[in-house]
Amino acid sequence: MANEKTAKKPSFFSKVKRFFKDIFGELKKVVWPTKKQVINNTIVVIVVVIISSIGISLIDYFFGLVLRLFFGS
């Protein structure tokens, strides 16, 4: 316990310096996608959004039709 009391806590600036050093170390490990991968992934996302919106529109149309038939508007 004597060592804990005499041990010096790191200062605020040393913590900030260590934080940014760790960030840059992690950024070096990142594998960035190629331009072709980004374009392919973007196309996939756009196609899935279009298909999903068409599906939701069809479901909405179907339920609207059923409600019109049910309530006789």
N, C-alpha and C. Protein backbone atom coordinates (compact mmCIF):
# COMPACT_ATOMS: atom_id res chain seq x y z
N MET A 1 0.81 -1.18 0.00
CA MET A 1 0.00 0.00 0.00
C MET A 1 0.86 1.25 0.00
N ALA A 2 2.05 1.14 0.51
CA ALA A 2 2.92 2.31 0.53
C ALA A 2 3.28 2.71 -0.89
N ASN A 3 3.43 1.71 -1.76
CA ASN A 3 3.77 2.02 -3.16
C ASN A 3 2.64 2.73 -3.86
N GLU A 4 1.39 2.40 -3.50
CA GLU A 4 0.24 3.04 -4.14
C GLU A 4 0.17 4.51 -3.79
N LYS A 5 0.49 4.85 -2.56
CA LYS A 5 0.41 6.24 -2.13
C LYS A 5 1.57 7.05 -2.70
N THR A 6 2.72 6.44 -2.82
CA THR A 6 3.88 7.17 -3.33
C THR A 6 3.91 7.17 -4.86
N ALA A 7 3.19 6.25 -5.47
CA ALA A 7 3.17 6.21 -6.94
C ALA A 7 2.47 7.46 -7.46
N LYS A 8 3.06 8.06 -8.45
CA LYS A 8 2.53 9.30 -8.99
C LYS A 8 1.50 8.99 -10.06
N LYS A 9 0.35 9.66 -9.99
CA LYS A 9 -0.67 9.48 -11.00
C LYS A 9 -0.25 10.23 -12.26
N PRO A 10 -0.58 9.68 -13.44
CA PRO A 10 -0.23 10.41 -14.66
C PRO A 10 -1.02 11.71 -14.75
N SER A 11 -0.37 12.72 -15.29
CA SER A 11 -1.04 14.02 -15.40
C SER A 11 -2.09 13.99 -16.52
N PHE A 12 -2.91 15.01 -16.53
CA PHE A 12 -3.97 15.13 -17.54
C PHE A 12 -3.38 15.15 -18.94
N PHE A 13 -2.30 15.92 -19.12
CA PHE A 13 -1.71 16.05 -20.45
C PHE A 13 -1.05 14.76 -20.92
N SER A 14 -0.50 14.00 -19.99
CA SER A 14 0.08 12.71 -20.39
C SER A 14 -1.01 11.73 -20.78
N LYS A 15 -2.20 11.83 -20.13
CA LYS A 15 -3.33 10.99 -20.51
C LYS A 15 -3.84 11.36 -21.90
N VAL A 16 -3.91 12.65 -22.18
CA VAL A 16 -4.37 13.11 -23.50
C VAL A 16 -3.38 12.68 -24.57
N LYS A 17 -2.09 12.83 -24.28
CA LYS A 17 -1.05 12.42 -25.23
C LYS A 17 -1.15 10.92 -25.51
N ARG A 18 -1.35 10.13 -24.48
CA ARG A 18 -1.48 8.67 -24.63
C ARG A 18 -2.73 8.32 -25.44
N PHE A 19 -3.82 9.05 -25.21
CA PHE A 19 -5.07 8.83 -25.93
C PHE A 19 -4.87 9.01 -27.43
N PHE A 20 -4.27 10.13 -27.82
CA PHE A 20 -4.06 10.38 -29.24
C PHE A 20 -3.04 9.42 -29.85
N LYS A 21 -2.05 9.03 -29.08
CA LYS A 21 -1.08 8.04 -29.56
C LYS A 21 -1.78 6.71 -29.84
N ASP A 22 -2.70 6.32 -28.96
CA ASP A 22 -3.48 5.09 -29.16
C ASP A 22 -4.38 5.20 -30.39
N ILE A 23 -4.99 6.37 -30.59
CA ILE A 23 -5.86 6.58 -31.76
C ILE A 23 -5.06 6.38 -33.05
N PHE A 24 -3.90 7.03 -33.14
CA PHE A 24 -3.10 6.90 -34.35
C PHE A 24 -2.60 5.47 -34.55
N GLY A 25 -2.32 4.79 -33.45
CA GLY A 25 -1.92 3.38 -33.55
C GLY A 25 -3.03 2.51 -34.10
N GLU A 26 -4.27 2.78 -33.67
CA GLU A 26 -5.41 2.01 -34.18
C GLU A 26 -5.70 2.35 -35.64
N LEU A 27 -5.53 3.61 -36.01
CA LEU A 27 -5.78 4.00 -37.40
C LEU A 27 -4.79 3.33 -38.36
N LYS A 28 -3.61 3.03 -37.89
CA LYS A 28 -2.63 2.33 -38.73
C LYS A 28 -3.07 0.89 -39.01
N LYS A 29 -3.90 0.31 -38.12
CA LYS A 29 -4.36 -1.06 -38.29
C LYS A 29 -5.57 -1.18 -39.21
N VAL A 30 -6.20 -0.06 -39.53
CA VAL A 30 -7.42 -0.08 -40.33
C VAL A 30 -7.10 -0.48 -41.76
N VAL A 31 -7.91 -1.38 -42.31
CA VAL A 31 -7.78 -1.78 -43.71
C VAL A 31 -8.84 -1.01 -44.49
N TRP A 32 -8.43 -0.02 -45.24
CA TRP A 32 -9.36 0.84 -45.97
C TRP A 32 -9.81 0.14 -47.25
N PRO A 33 -11.09 0.26 -47.61
CA PRO A 33 -11.58 -0.38 -48.83
C PRO A 33 -11.06 0.34 -50.08
N THR A 34 -10.99 -0.42 -51.16
CA THR A 34 -10.57 0.18 -52.42
C THR A 34 -11.75 0.94 -53.03
N LYS A 35 -11.46 1.73 -54.05
CA LYS A 35 -12.51 2.50 -54.71
C LYS A 35 -13.55 1.56 -55.32
N LYS A 36 -13.11 0.45 -55.88
CA LYS A 36 -14.03 -0.51 -56.48
C LYS A 36 -14.95 -1.11 -55.42
N GLN A 37 -14.42 -1.44 -54.25
CA GLN A 37 -15.24 -2.00 -53.18
C GLN A 37 -16.28 -0.99 -52.70
N VAL A 38 -15.88 0.27 -52.60
CA VAL A 38 -16.81 1.31 -52.16
C VAL A 38 -17.94 1.47 -53.17
N ILE A 39 -17.60 1.47 -54.46
CA ILE A 39 -18.62 1.61 -55.51
C ILE A 39 -19.57 0.41 -55.48
N ASN A 40 -19.02 -0.80 -55.38
CA ASN A 40 -19.86 -2.01 -55.34
C ASN A 40 -20.78 -2.00 -54.12
N ASN A 41 -20.25 -1.64 -52.97
CA ASN A 41 -21.07 -1.61 -51.76
C ASN A 41 -22.15 -0.54 -51.86
N THR A 42 -21.83 0.60 -52.46
CA THR A 42 -22.82 1.66 -52.63
C THR A 42 -23.94 1.20 -53.56
N ILE A 43 -23.59 0.51 -54.63
CA ILE A 43 -24.60 0.00 -55.56
C ILE A 43 -25.50 -1.01 -54.84
N VAL A 44 -24.91 -1.88 -54.05
CA VAL A 44 -25.71 -2.88 -53.32
C VAL A 44 -26.68 -2.18 -52.37
N VAL A 45 -26.22 -1.16 -51.67
CA VAL A 45 -27.09 -0.44 -50.74
C VAL A 45 -28.23 0.24 -51.48
N ILE A 46 -27.94 0.88 -52.61
CA ILE A 46 -28.98 1.56 -53.39
C ILE A 46 -30.01 0.56 -53.89
N VAL A 47 -29.57 -0.58 -54.40
CA VAL A 47 -30.49 -1.60 -54.91
C VAL A 47 -31.37 -2.14 -53.77
N VAL A 48 -30.78 -2.40 -52.61
CA VAL A 48 -31.57 -2.91 -51.49
C VAL A 48 -32.59 -1.87 -51.03
N VAL A 49 -32.22 -0.60 -51.02
CA VAL A 49 -33.15 0.45 -50.63
C VAL A 49 -34.30 0.53 -51.62
N ILE A 50 -34.00 0.44 -52.92
CA ILE A 50 -35.06 0.50 -53.94
C ILE A 50 -36.01 -0.70 -53.79
N ILE A 51 -35.45 -1.91 -53.65
CA ILE A 51 -36.28 -3.10 -53.50
C ILE A 51 -37.13 -3.01 -52.23
N SER A 52 -36.54 -2.55 -51.14
CA SER A 52 -37.29 -2.41 -49.89
C SER A 52 -38.41 -1.40 -50.03
N SER A 53 -38.14 -0.27 -50.68
CA SER A 53 -39.18 0.74 -50.84
C SER A 53 -40.32 0.24 -51.73
N ILE A 54 -39.99 -0.52 -52.75
CA ILE A 54 -41.04 -1.11 -53.59
C ILE A 54 -41.88 -2.10 -52.77
N GLY A 55 -41.22 -2.93 -51.98
CA GLY A 55 -41.94 -3.90 -51.15
C GLY A 55 -42.84 -3.22 -50.14
N ILE A 56 -42.34 -2.20 -49.47
CA ILE A 56 -43.16 -1.48 -48.49
C ILE A 56 -44.31 -0.77 -49.19
N SER A 57 -44.09 -0.22 -50.38
CA SER A 57 -45.16 0.44 -51.13
C SER A 57 -46.25 -0.56 -51.51
N LEU A 58 -45.86 -1.76 -51.93
CA LEU A 58 -46.85 -2.78 -52.28
C LEU A 58 -47.66 -3.21 -51.07
N ILE A 59 -46.99 -3.40 -49.94
CA ILE A 59 -47.70 -3.77 -48.71
C ILE A 59 -48.66 -2.65 -48.31
N ASP A 60 -48.23 -1.41 -48.40
CA ASP A 60 -49.07 -0.27 -48.05
C ASP A 60 -50.29 -0.20 -48.99
N TYR A 61 -50.05 -0.42 -50.27
CA TYR A 61 -51.16 -0.41 -51.23
C TYR A 61 -52.16 -1.52 -50.92
N PHE A 62 -51.64 -2.72 -50.62
CA PHE A 62 -52.50 -3.85 -50.31
C PHE A 62 -53.36 -3.57 -49.07
N PHE A 63 -52.74 -3.10 -47.99
CA PHE A 63 -53.50 -2.80 -46.78
C PHE A 63 -54.49 -1.66 -47.00
N GLY A 64 -54.11 -0.67 -47.80
CA GLY A 64 -55.06 0.39 -48.13
C GLY A 64 -56.25 -0.13 -48.89
N LEU A 65 -56.03 -1.04 -49.84
CA LEU A 65 -57.10 -1.65 -50.59
C LEU A 65 -58.03 -2.44 -49.68
N VAL A 66 -57.44 -3.22 -48.78
CA VAL A 66 -58.25 -4.02 -47.85
C VAL A 66 -59.06 -3.11 -46.94
N LEU A 67 -58.48 -2.03 -46.46
CA LEU A 67 -59.23 -1.12 -45.60
C LEU A 67 -60.36 -0.42 -46.35
N ARG A 68 -60.10 -0.06 -47.63
CA ARG A 68 -61.18 0.56 -48.44
C ARG A 68 -62.32 -0.41 -48.66
N LEU A 69 -61.98 -1.68 -48.89
CA LEU A 69 -63.03 -2.69 -49.08
C LEU A 69 -63.78 -2.95 -47.77
N PHE A 70 -63.05 -2.95 -46.66
CA PHE A 70 -63.65 -3.23 -45.36
C PHE A 70 -64.57 -2.10 -44.91
N PHE A 71 -64.11 -0.85 -45.05
CA PHE A 71 -64.90 0.27 -44.59
C PHE A 71 -65.80 0.84 -45.67
N GLY A 72 -65.64 0.43 -46.92
CA GLY A 72 -66.50 0.84 -48.02
C GLY A 72 -66.44 2.31 -48.35
N SER A 73 -65.25 2.88 -48.35
CA SER A 73 -65.13 4.30 -48.68
C SER A 73 -65.38 4.49 -50.13
